[in-house]
Amino acid sequence: MKFGISTFITDLSIRPAPLGRALEERGFDSVFIAEHSHIPAARQSPYPSGGELPDRYYRTLDPFVALTAVATVTERLLVGTGVALISQRDPIHTAKEVASLDLISGGRALFGVGVGWNREEMANHGTDFTTRGRLVNERLRAITALWTEEKAEFHGEFVDFDPVYAWPKPVRKPHPPIFVGGGRRAFPRVAEFGDAWLANSVPPEALGPQIEELRAVAGRDIPVTVFAAPAEPGAIEGYAALGVERVLLYLPSDPEQEALAHLDRFAGIAARFR
């Protein structure tokens, strides 16, 4: 089983470059960082985990800028979004950003995607919350076309463009792996687009039945990465027994010295399973 890190990189946390170096030095295989373009001041959408919305949501760096900084100081570390909010993103710009990151990193980009939950944040991007799922699916199809076709065109309900040239193309062929986030409602999307399912903090005892359900929906085995997995040996043993491909231990958005202390502890836990 592989070990990576999931985190929110903010203006108050460890910077991307020292984080990348620290992860590679400690043997982690990947880093997945979260995205929120902004948080509306008048917010009514409840935080999915309950309680007040944590400060880190207000302060996230742009994921592709941060991951590029990580990529330039590392050689092996996989650099991924966890997750890019496709419901709030222009597909042409997003296709170029992912492909550019893949080129700069030498084929190490991972494209974690999700629909999002913050209704007010989406509204500021002109997105209708009730149709966000169809919108995301269509944008993913358009992004894939831009990556894989020399002259790409797309005509759909939400995305429409005549033939275009779009470079760079990704280094990884046919394109960077797509990690689809979400719960059971996202399983059809995982089946259509997913090179992996990005399961968000699902405990091992609940994950097993969900993996079986996903296999039934997809008609194939789909690798599983657990986002924000607990750094507890018992839970990690449970994930290993289920055949989970990767666990992403959650790194708090702390300044550098505190973050490095967390990573030292996480590396010690990971070493028990290697």
C-alpha atoms as a PDB file:
ATOM      1  CA  MET A   1       0.000   0.000   0.000  1.00  0.00           C
ATOM      2  CA  LYS A   2       1.194   3.491  -0.862  1.00  0.00           C
ATOM      3  CA  PHE A   3       1.238   6.464   1.482  1.00  0.00           C
ATOM      4  CA  GLY A   4       0.628  10.065   0.538  1.00  0.00           C
ATOM      5  CA  ILE A   5      -0.490  13.270   2.197  1.00  0.00           C
ATOM      6  CA  SER A   6      -3.699  15.269   1.829  1.00  0.00           C
ATOM      7  CA  THR A   7      -3.729  18.870   3.014  1.00  0.00           C
ATOM      8  CA  PHE A   8      -4.896  22.432   2.539  1.00  0.00           C
ATOM      9  CA  ILE A   9      -1.952  24.640   1.602  1.00  0.00           C
ATOM     10  CA  THR A  10      -2.714  28.163   2.839  1.00  0.00           C
ATOM     11  CA  ASP A  11      -0.985  31.493   3.252  1.00  0.00           C
ATOM     12  CA  LEU A  12      -0.345  30.554   6.901  1.00  0.00           C
ATOM     13  CA  SER A  13       0.821  26.961   6.431  1.00  0.00           C
ATOM     14  CA  ILE A  14       4.101  25.393   5.374  1.00  0.00           C
ATOM     15  CA  ARG A  15       5.018  26.665   1.900  1.00  0.00           C
ATOM     16  CA  PRO A  16       4.679  24.331  -1.110  1.00  0.00           C
ATOM     17  CA  ALA A  17       8.406  23.940  -1.888  1.00  0.00           C
ATOM     18  CA  PRO A  18       9.569  22.913   1.604  1.00  0.00           C
ATOM     19  CA  LEU A  19       6.521  20.673   1.909  1.00  0.00           C
ATOM     20  CA  GLY A  20       7.386  18.889  -1.329  1.00  0.00           C
ATOM     21  CA  ARG A  21      11.005  18.357  -0.332  1.00  0.00           C
ATOM     22  CA  ALA A  22       9.976  17.080   3.096  1.00  0.00           C
ATOM     23  CA  LEU A  23       7.498  14.585   1.625  1.00  0.00           C
ATOM     24  CA  GLU A  24       9.974  13.169  -0.859  1.00  0.00           C
ATOM     25  CA  GLU A  25      12.714  12.917   1.778  1.00  0.00           C
ATOM     26  CA  ARG A  26      10.359  10.931   4.018  1.00  0.00           C
ATOM     27  CA  GLY A  27       9.331   8.496   1.298  1.00  0.00           C
ATOM     28  CA  PHE A  28       5.746   9.589   0.673  1.00  0.00           C
ATOM     29  CA  ASP A  29       4.571   8.866  -2.852  1.00  0.00           C
ATOM     30  CA  SER A  30       2.112  11.745  -3.388  1.00  0.00           C
ATOM     31  CA  VAL A  31       0.533  14.943  -2.184  1.00  0.00           C
ATOM     32  CA  PHE A  32      -3.097  15.922  -2.851  1.00  0.00           C
ATOM     33  CA  ILE A  33      -4.151  19.480  -2.068  1.00  0.00           C
ATOM     34  CA  ALA A  34      -7.613  20.953  -1.691  1.00  0.00           C
ATOM     35  CA  GLU A  35      -9.209  23.804  -3.612  1.00  0.00           C
ATOM     36  CA  HIS A  36     -11.651  26.573  -2.785  1.00  0.00           C
ATOM     37  CA  SER A  37     -11.624  29.663  -4.972  1.00  0.00           C
ATOM     38  CA  HIS A  38     -13.196  31.764  -2.202  1.00  0.00           C
ATOM     39  CA  ILE A  39     -15.748  31.533   0.583  1.00  0.00           C
ATOM     40  CA  PRO A  40     -18.763  33.867   0.390  1.00  0.00           C
ATOM     41  CA  ALA A  41     -19.181  36.037   3.489  1.00  0.00           C
ATOM     42  CA  ALA A  42     -22.919  35.309   3.608  1.00  0.00           C
ATOM     43  CA  ARG A  43     -22.858  31.516   3.663  1.00  0.00           C
ATOM     44  CA  GLN A  44     -25.815  29.245   4.310  1.00  0.00           C
ATOM     45  CA  SER A  45     -24.504  25.876   3.075  1.00  0.00           C
ATOM     46  CA  PRO A  46     -23.738  23.711   6.129  1.00  0.00           C
ATOM     47  CA  TYR A  47     -20.199  22.415   6.503  1.00  0.00           C
ATOM     48  CA  PRO A  48     -20.419  18.694   5.641  1.00  0.00           C
ATOM     49  CA  SER A  49     -18.435  17.660   8.720  1.00  0.00           C
ATOM     50  CA  GLY A  50     -20.621  19.764  11.012  1.00  0.00           C
ATOM     51  CA  GLY A  51     -19.901  22.840  13.082  1.00  0.00           C
ATOM     52  CA  GLU A  52     -18.173  25.999  11.931  1.00  0.00           C
ATOM     53  CA  LEU A  53     -16.270  26.090   8.665  1.00  0.00           C
ATOM     54  CA  PRO A  54     -12.544  25.792   9.535  1.00  0.00           C
ATOM     55  CA  ASP A  55     -10.288  28.735   8.804  1.00  0.00           C
ATOM     56  CA  ARG A  56      -8.237  26.777   6.245  1.00  0.00           C
ATOM     57  CA  TYR A  57     -11.145  26.843   3.780  1.00  0.00           C
ATOM     58  CA  TYR A  58     -10.884  30.624   3.555  1.00  0.00           C
ATOM     59  CA  ARG A  59      -7.154  30.694   2.867  1.00  0.00           C
ATOM     60  CA  THR A  60      -6.315  28.028   0.272  1.00  0.00           C
ATOM     61  CA  LEU A  61      -3.694  28.726  -2.378  1.00  0.00           C
ATOM     62  CA  ASP A  62      -4.463  28.075  -6.023  1.00  0.00           C
ATOM     63  CA  PRO A  63      -3.820  24.340  -6.384  1.00  0.00           C
ATOM     64  CA  PHE A  64      -1.999  24.412  -9.700  1.00  0.00           C
ATOM     65  CA  VAL A  65       0.357  27.214  -8.651  1.00  0.00           C
ATOM     66  CA  ALA A  66       1.122  25.372  -5.404  1.00  0.00           C
ATOM     67  CA  LEU A  67       1.581  21.978  -7.070  1.00  0.00           C
ATOM     68  CA  THR A  68       3.882  23.458  -9.701  1.00  0.00           C
ATOM     69  CA  ALA A  69       6.072  24.818  -6.912  1.00  0.00           C
ATOM     70  CA  VAL A  70       6.116  21.337  -5.357  1.00  0.00           C
ATOM     71  CA  ALA A  71       6.932  19.699  -8.691  1.00  0.00           C
ATOM     72  CA  THR A  72       9.932  21.924  -9.387  1.00  0.00           C
ATOM     73  CA  VAL A  73      11.744  20.843  -6.196  1.00  0.00           C
ATOM     74  CA  THR A  74      10.933  17.118  -6.361  1.00  0.00           C
ATOM     75  CA  GLU A  75      11.738  14.248  -8.712  1.00  0.00           C
ATOM     76  CA  ARG A  76       9.419  11.374  -7.784  1.00  0.00           C
ATOM     77  CA  LEU A  77       6.546  12.824  -5.780  1.00  0.00           C
ATOM     78  CA  LEU A  78       3.144  12.627  -7.500  1.00  0.00           C
ATOM     79  CA  VAL A  79       1.302  15.968  -7.414  1.00  0.00           C
ATOM     80  CA  GLY A  80      -2.481  15.900  -7.300  1.00  0.00           C
ATOM     81  CA  THR A  81      -5.566  17.979  -6.687  1.00  0.00           C
ATOM     82  CA  GLY A  82      -7.733  16.731  -3.881  1.00  0.00           C
ATOM     83  CA  VAL A  83     -10.061  17.901  -5.273  1.00  0.00           C
ATOM     84  CA  ALA A  84     -10.343  20.405  -8.104  1.00  0.00           C
ATOM     85  CA  LEU A  85     -13.899  21.755  -8.068  1.00  0.00           C
ATOM     86  CA  ILE A  86     -14.887  21.181 -11.682  1.00  0.00           C
ATOM     87  CA  SER A  87     -18.321  22.702 -11.111  1.00  0.00           C
ATOM     88  CA  GLN A  88     -16.546  26.040 -10.657  1.00  0.00           C
ATOM     89  CA  ARG A  89     -13.878  25.738 -13.377  1.00  0.00           C
ATOM     90  CA  ASP A  90     -13.694  26.654 -17.031  1.00  0.00           C
ATOM     91  CA  PRO A  91     -12.837  23.399 -18.842  1.00  0.00           C
ATOM     92  CA  ILE A  92     -10.482  24.936 -21.408  1.00  0.00           C
ATOM     93  CA  HIS A  93      -8.406  26.698 -18.767  1.00  0.00           C
ATOM     94  CA  THR A  94      -8.469  23.626 -16.531  1.00  0.00           C
ATOM     95  CA  ALA A  95      -7.304  21.314 -19.314  1.00  0.00           C
ATOM     96  CA  LYS A  96      -4.352  23.627 -19.946  1.00  0.00           C
ATOM     97  CA  GLU A  97      -3.470  23.908 -16.240  1.00  0.00           C
ATOM     98  CA  VAL A  98      -3.452  20.152 -15.687  1.00  0.00           C
ATOM     99  CA  ALA A  99      -1.485  19.488 -18.873  1.00  0.00           C
ATOM    100  CA  SER A 100       1.011  22.219 -17.976  1.00  0.00           C
ATOM    101  CA  LEU A 101       1.506  20.734 -14.508  1.00  0.00           C
ATOM    102  CA  ASP A 102       1.963  17.290 -16.059  1.00  0.00           C
ATOM    103  CA  LEU A 103       4.579  18.659 -18.469  1.00  0.00           C
ATOM    104  CA  ILE A 104       6.497  20.600 -15.812  1.00  0.00           C
ATOM    105  CA  SER A 105       6.445  17.635 -13.415  1.00  0.00           C
ATOM    106  CA  GLY A 106       7.523  15.133 -16.061  1.00  0.00           C
ATOM    107  CA  GLY A 107       4.266  13.183 -16.033  1.00  0.00           C
ATOM    108  CA  ARG A 108       3.573  13.219 -12.287  1.00  0.00           C
ATOM    109  CA  ALA A 109       0.200  15.016 -12.252  1.00  0.00           C
ATOM    110  CA  LEU A 110      -2.889  13.370 -10.742  1.00  0.00           C
ATOM    111  CA  PHE A 111      -6.239  14.999 -11.442  1.00  0.00           C
ATOM    112  CA  GLY A 112      -8.502  14.664  -8.415  1.00  0.00           C
ATOM    113  CA  VAL A 113     -11.971  16.037  -9.175  1.00  0.00           C
ATOM    114  CA  GLY A 114     -15.216  16.682  -7.362  1.00  0.00           C
ATOM    115  CA  VAL A 115     -18.519  18.518  -7.668  1.00  0.00           C
ATOM    116  CA  GLY A 116     -18.299  20.539  -4.434  1.00  0.00           C
ATOM    117  CA  TRP A 117     -20.827  21.260  -1.697  1.00  0.00           C
ATOM    118  CA  ASN A 118     -20.844  25.052  -1.131  1.00  0.00           C
ATOM    119  CA  ARG A 119     -23.938  26.348  -2.924  1.00  0.00           C
ATOM    120  CA  GLU A 120     -23.028  30.026  -2.507  1.00  0.00           C
ATOM    121  CA  GLU A 121     -19.464  29.531  -3.755  1.00  0.00           C
ATOM    122  CA  MET A 122     -20.803  27.820  -6.896  1.00  0.00           C
ATOM    123  CA  ALA A 123     -23.371  30.557  -7.470  1.00  0.00           C
ATOM    124  CA  ASN A 124     -20.592  33.139  -7.674  1.00  0.00           C
ATOM    125  CA  HIS A 125     -19.203  31.103 -10.573  1.00  0.00           C
ATOM    126  CA  GLY A 126     -22.580  31.036 -12.309  1.00  0.00           C
ATOM    127  CA  THR A 127     -23.205  27.378 -11.454  1.00  0.00           C
ATOM    128  CA  ASP A 128     -26.681  26.040 -10.726  1.00  0.00           C
ATOM    129  CA  PHE A 129     -26.370  23.742  -7.712  1.00  0.00           C
ATOM    130  CA  THR A 130     -29.159  21.485  -8.942  1.00  0.00           C
ATOM    131  CA  THR A 131     -27.427  20.639 -12.248  1.00  0.00           C
ATOM    132  CA  ARG A 132     -23.837  20.584 -10.992  1.00  0.00           C
ATOM    133  CA  GLY A 133     -23.452  16.827 -11.498  1.00  0.00           C
ATOM    134  CA  ARG A 134     -24.360  16.942 -15.189  1.00  0.00           C
ATOM    135  CA  LEU A 135     -22.168  20.001 -15.588  1.00  0.00           C
ATOM    136  CA  VAL A 136     -19.139  18.264 -14.076  1.00  0.00           C
ATOM    137  CA  ASN A 137     -19.596  15.189 -16.253  1.00  0.00           C
ATOM    138  CA  GLU A 138     -19.774  17.291 -19.387  1.00  0.00           C
ATOM    139  CA  ARG A 139     -16.751  19.366 -18.462  1.00  0.00           C
ATOM    140  CA  LEU A 140     -14.731  16.214 -17.803  1.00  0.00           C
ATOM    141  CA  ARG A 141     -15.635  14.904 -21.250  1.00  0.00           C
ATOM    142  CA  ALA A 142     -14.581  18.218 -22.787  1.00  0.00           C
ATOM    143  CA  ILE A 143     -11.286  18.277 -20.834  1.00  0.00           C
ATOM    144  CA  THR A 144     -10.491  14.748 -21.999  1.00  0.00           C
ATOM    145  CA  ALA A 145     -11.150  15.767 -25.597  1.00  0.00           C
ATOM    146  CA  LEU A 146      -8.827  18.763 -25.249  1.00  0.00           C
ATOM    147  CA  TRP A 147      -6.080  16.496 -23.906  1.00  0.00           C
ATOM    148  CA  THR A 148      -6.377  13.700 -26.443  1.00  0.00           C
ATOM    149  CA  GLU A 149      -7.482  15.243 -29.755  1.00  0.00           C
ATOM    150  CA  GLU A 150      -5.284  17.401 -32.004  1.00  0.00           C
ATOM    151  CA  LYS A 151      -8.305  19.461 -33.028  1.00  0.00           C
ATOM    152  CA  ALA A 152     -10.825  19.117 -30.234  1.00  0.00           C
ATOM    153  CA  GLU A 153     -14.437  20.166 -30.381  1.00  0.00           C
ATOM    154  CA  PHE A 154     -17.344  19.691 -28.014  1.00  0.00           C
ATOM    155  CA  HIS A 155     -21.048  20.418 -28.243  1.00  0.00           C
ATOM    156  CA  GLY A 156     -23.146  19.775 -25.175  1.00  0.00           C
ATOM    157  CA  GLU A 157     -25.725  21.197 -22.824  1.00  0.00           C
ATOM    158  CA  PHE A 158     -23.236  23.289 -20.827  1.00  0.00           C
ATOM    159  CA  VAL A 159     -20.002  23.233 -22.870  1.00  0.00           C
ATOM    160  CA  ASP A 160     -19.865  24.197 -26.506  1.00  0.00           C
ATOM    161  CA  PHE A 161     -16.889  24.968 -28.708  1.00  0.00           C
ATOM    162  CA  ASP A 162     -15.968  24.426 -32.342  1.00  0.00           C
ATOM    163  CA  PRO A 163     -12.634  22.777 -33.298  1.00  0.00           C
ATOM    164  CA  VAL A 164      -9.696  24.232 -31.356  1.00  0.00           C
ATOM    165  CA  TYR A 165      -5.993  23.623 -30.930  1.00  0.00           C
ATOM    166  CA  ALA A 166      -4.993  23.245 -27.294  1.00  0.00           C
ATOM    167  CA  TRP A 167      -1.432  22.634 -26.112  1.00  0.00           C
ATOM    168  CA  PRO A 168       0.443  21.433 -24.195  1.00  0.00           C
ATOM    169  CA  LYS A 169      -0.856  17.898 -24.287  1.00  0.00           C
ATOM    170  CA  PRO A 170      -0.237  15.846 -21.117  1.00  0.00           C
ATOM    171  CA  VAL A 171       2.956  13.805 -20.854  1.00  0.00           C
ATOM    172  CA  ARG A 172       1.027  10.836 -19.424  1.00  0.00           C
ATOM    173  CA  LYS A 173      -0.934   8.999 -22.106  1.00  0.00           C
ATOM    174  CA  PRO A 174      -3.752   9.047 -22.781  1.00  0.00           C
ATOM    175  CA  HIS A 175      -3.947  11.653 -19.984  1.00  0.00           C
ATOM    176  CA  PRO A 176      -3.164  12.089 -16.267  1.00  0.00           C
ATOM    177  CA  PRO A 177      -5.080   9.667 -14.041  1.00  0.00           C
ATOM    178  CA  ILE A 178      -8.460  11.017 -12.958  1.00  0.00           C
ATOM    179  CA  PHE A 179      -9.286  10.443  -9.294  1.00  0.00           C
ATOM    180  CA  VAL A 180     -13.015  10.959  -8.817  1.00  0.00           C
ATOM    181  CA  GLY A 181     -14.100  12.088  -5.368  1.00  0.00           C
ATOM    182  CA  GLY A 182     -17.497  11.667  -3.772  1.00  0.00           C
ATOM    183  CA  GLY A 183     -19.708   9.086  -2.122  1.00  0.00           C
ATOM    184  CA  ARG A 184     -22.198   6.586  -3.500  1.00  0.00           C
ATOM    185  CA  ARG A 185     -23.929   9.176  -5.683  1.00  0.00           C
ATOM    186  CA  ALA A 186     -20.635   9.676  -7.504  1.00  0.00           C
ATOM    187  CA  PHE A 187     -20.205   5.996  -8.410  1.00  0.00           C
ATOM    188  CA  PRO A 188     -21.575   6.390 -11.962  1.00  0.00           C
ATOM    189  CA  ARG A 189     -19.068   9.232 -12.463  1.00  0.00           C
ATOM    190  CA  VAL A 190     -16.272   7.070 -11.051  1.00  0.00           C
ATOM    191  CA  ALA A 191     -17.312   4.303 -13.434  1.00  0.00           C
ATOM    192  CA  GLU A 192     -17.248   6.583 -16.485  1.00  0.00           C
ATOM    193  CA  PHE A 193     -14.181   8.712 -15.790  1.00  0.00           C
ATOM    194  CA  GLY A 194     -12.293   7.225 -12.872  1.00  0.00           C
ATOM    195  CA  ASP A 195      -8.831   5.780 -12.947  1.00  0.00           C
ATOM    196  CA  ALA A 196      -9.336   5.693  -9.169  1.00  0.00           C
ATOM    197  CA  TRP A 197     -11.971   6.478  -6.565  1.00  0.00           C
ATOM    198  CA  LEU A 198     -10.966   9.129  -4.035  1.00  0.00           C
ATOM    199  CA  ALA A 199     -12.919   8.075  -0.939  1.00  0.00           C
ATOM    200  CA  ASN A 200     -13.166  10.912   1.570  1.00  0.00           C
ATOM    201  CA  SER A 201     -12.359   9.773   5.124  1.00  0.00           C
ATOM    202  CA  VAL A 202     -14.460   6.602   4.883  1.00  0.00           C
ATOM    203  CA  PRO A 203     -13.548   4.256   7.783  1.00  0.00           C
ATOM    204  CA  PRO A 204     -12.508   0.701   6.855  1.00  0.00           C
ATOM    205  CA  GLU A 205     -15.653  -0.921   8.224  1.00  0.00           C
ATOM    206  CA  ALA A 206     -17.822   1.226   5.924  1.00  0.00           C
ATOM    207  CA  LEU A 207     -15.449   1.198   2.984  1.00  0.00           C
ATOM    208  CA  GLY A 208     -15.599  -2.516   2.250  1.00  0.00           C
ATOM    209  CA  PRO A 209     -19.310  -2.599   1.303  1.00  0.00           C
ATOM    210  CA  GLN A 210     -18.886   0.596  -0.714  1.00  0.00           C
ATOM    211  CA  ILE A 211     -16.029  -0.916  -2.726  1.00  0.00           C
ATOM    212  CA  GLU A 212     -18.244  -3.889  -3.567  1.00  0.00           C
ATOM    213  CA  GLU A 213     -21.049  -1.544  -4.586  1.00  0.00           C
ATOM    214  CA  LEU A 214     -18.675   0.462  -6.784  1.00  0.00           C
ATOM    215  CA  ARG A 215     -17.477  -2.704  -8.511  1.00  0.00           C
ATOM    216  CA  ALA A 216     -21.078  -3.643  -9.247  1.00  0.00           C
ATOM    217  CA  VAL A 217     -21.823  -0.210 -10.718  1.00  0.00           C
ATOM    218  CA  ALA A 218     -18.596  -0.012 -12.742  1.00  0.00           C
ATOM    219  CA  GLY A 219     -18.348  -3.639 -13.797  1.00  0.00           C
ATOM    220  CA  ARG A 220     -14.625  -3.564 -13.059  1.00  0.00           C
ATOM    221  CA  ASP A 221     -12.143  -3.156 -10.235  1.00  0.00           C
ATOM    222  CA  ILE A 222     -11.271   0.486  -9.607  1.00  0.00           C
ATOM    223  CA  PRO A 223      -8.264   1.398  -7.442  1.00  0.00           C
ATOM    224  CA  VAL A 224      -9.152   3.181  -4.208  1.00  0.00           C
ATOM    225  CA  THR A 225      -7.298   6.045  -2.538  1.00  0.00           C
ATOM    226  CA  VAL A 226      -8.571   7.155   0.878  1.00  0.00           C
ATOM    227  CA  PHE A 227      -8.423  10.924   1.354  1.00  0.00           C
ATOM    228  CA  ALA A 228      -7.736  12.206   4.883  1.00  0.00           C
ATOM    229  CA  ALA A 229      -7.220   8.735   6.313  1.00  0.00           C
ATOM    230  CA  PRO A 230      -6.663   8.603  10.077  1.00  0.00           C
ATOM    231  CA  ALA A 231      -3.029   8.164  11.096  1.00  0.00           C
ATOM    232  CA  GLU A 232      -3.898   5.157  13.240  1.00  0.00           C
ATOM    233  CA  PRO A 233      -2.278   1.738  12.688  1.00  0.00           C
ATOM    234  CA  GLY A 234      -5.560  -0.093  13.273  1.00  0.00           C
ATOM    235  CA  ALA A 235      -7.366   1.862  10.576  1.00  0.00           C
ATOM    236  CA  ILE A 236      -4.445   1.493   8.183  1.00  0.00           C
ATOM    237  CA  GLU A 237      -4.433  -2.265   8.726  1.00  0.00           C
ATOM    238  CA  GLY A 238      -8.126  -2.254   7.845  1.00  0.00           C
ATOM    239  CA  TYR A 239      -7.470  -0.378   4.606  1.00  0.00           C
ATOM    240  CA  ALA A 240      -4.641  -2.749   3.707  1.00  0.00           C
ATOM    241  CA  ALA A 241      -6.907  -5.750   4.244  1.00  0.00           C
ATOM    242  CA  LEU A 242      -9.414  -4.241   1.794  1.00  0.00           C
ATOM    243  CA  GLY A 243      -6.757  -3.874  -0.897  1.00  0.00           C
ATOM    244  CA  VAL A 244      -6.771  -0.067  -0.817  1.00  0.00           C
ATOM    245  CA  GLU A 245      -4.076   1.202  -3.162  1.00  0.00           C
ATOM    246  CA  ARG A 246      -3.156   4.349  -1.239  1.00  0.00           C
ATOM    247  CA  VAL A 247      -3.959   6.169   1.978  1.00  0.00           C
ATOM    248  CA  LEU A 248      -3.547   9.918   2.241  1.00  0.00           C
ATOM    249  CA  LEU A 249      -2.790  10.918   5.814  1.00  0.00           C
ATOM    250  CA  TYR A 250      -4.212  14.326   6.671  1.00  0.00           C
ATOM    251  CA  LEU A 251      -1.640  17.064   7.362  1.00  0.00           C
ATOM    252  CA  PRO A 252      -3.029  20.055   9.300  1.00  0.00           C
ATOM    253  CA  SER A 253      -2.389  23.463   7.724  1.00  0.00           C
ATOM    254  CA  ASP A 254       0.334  24.326  10.230  1.00  0.00           C
ATOM    255  CA  PRO A 255       3.500  26.410   9.905  1.00  0.00           C
ATOM    256  CA  GLU A 256       6.661  24.640   8.775  1.00  0.00           C
ATOM    257  CA  GLN A 257       8.097  23.341  12.037  1.00  0.00           C
ATOM    258  CA  GLU A 258       4.792  21.964  13.280  1.00  0.00           C
ATOM    259  CA  ALA A 259       4.073  20.437   9.864  1.00  0.00           C
ATOM    260  CA  LEU A 260       7.466  18.710   9.765  1.00  0.00           C
ATOM    261  CA  ALA A 261       6.823  17.204  13.191  1.00  0.00           C
ATOM    262  CA  HIS A 262       3.537  15.759  11.914  1.00  0.00           C
ATOM    263  CA  LEU A 263       5.301  14.354   8.855  1.00  0.00           C
ATOM    264  CA  ASP A 264       7.968  12.681  10.986  1.00  0.00           C
ATOM    265  CA  ARG A 265       5.215  10.937  12.966  1.00  0.00           C
ATOM    266  CA  PHE A 266       3.350   9.942   9.811  1.00  0.00           C
ATOM    267  CA  ALA A 267       6.542   8.582   8.241  1.00  0.00           C
ATOM    268  CA  GLY A 268       7.088   6.388  11.287  1.00  0.00           C
ATOM    269  CA  ILE A 269       3.589   4.963  10.975  1.00  0.00           C
ATOM    270  CA  ALA A 270       3.966   4.366   7.237  1.00  0.00           C
ATOM    271  CA  ALA A 271       7.284   2.578   7.790  1.00  0.00           C
ATOM    272  CA  ARG A 272       5.472  -0.150   9.756  1.00  0.00           C
ATOM    273  CA  PHE A 273       3.528  -1.138   6.643  1.00  0.00           C
ATOM    274  CA  ARG A 274       6.266  -1.011   4.030  1.00  0.00           C
END
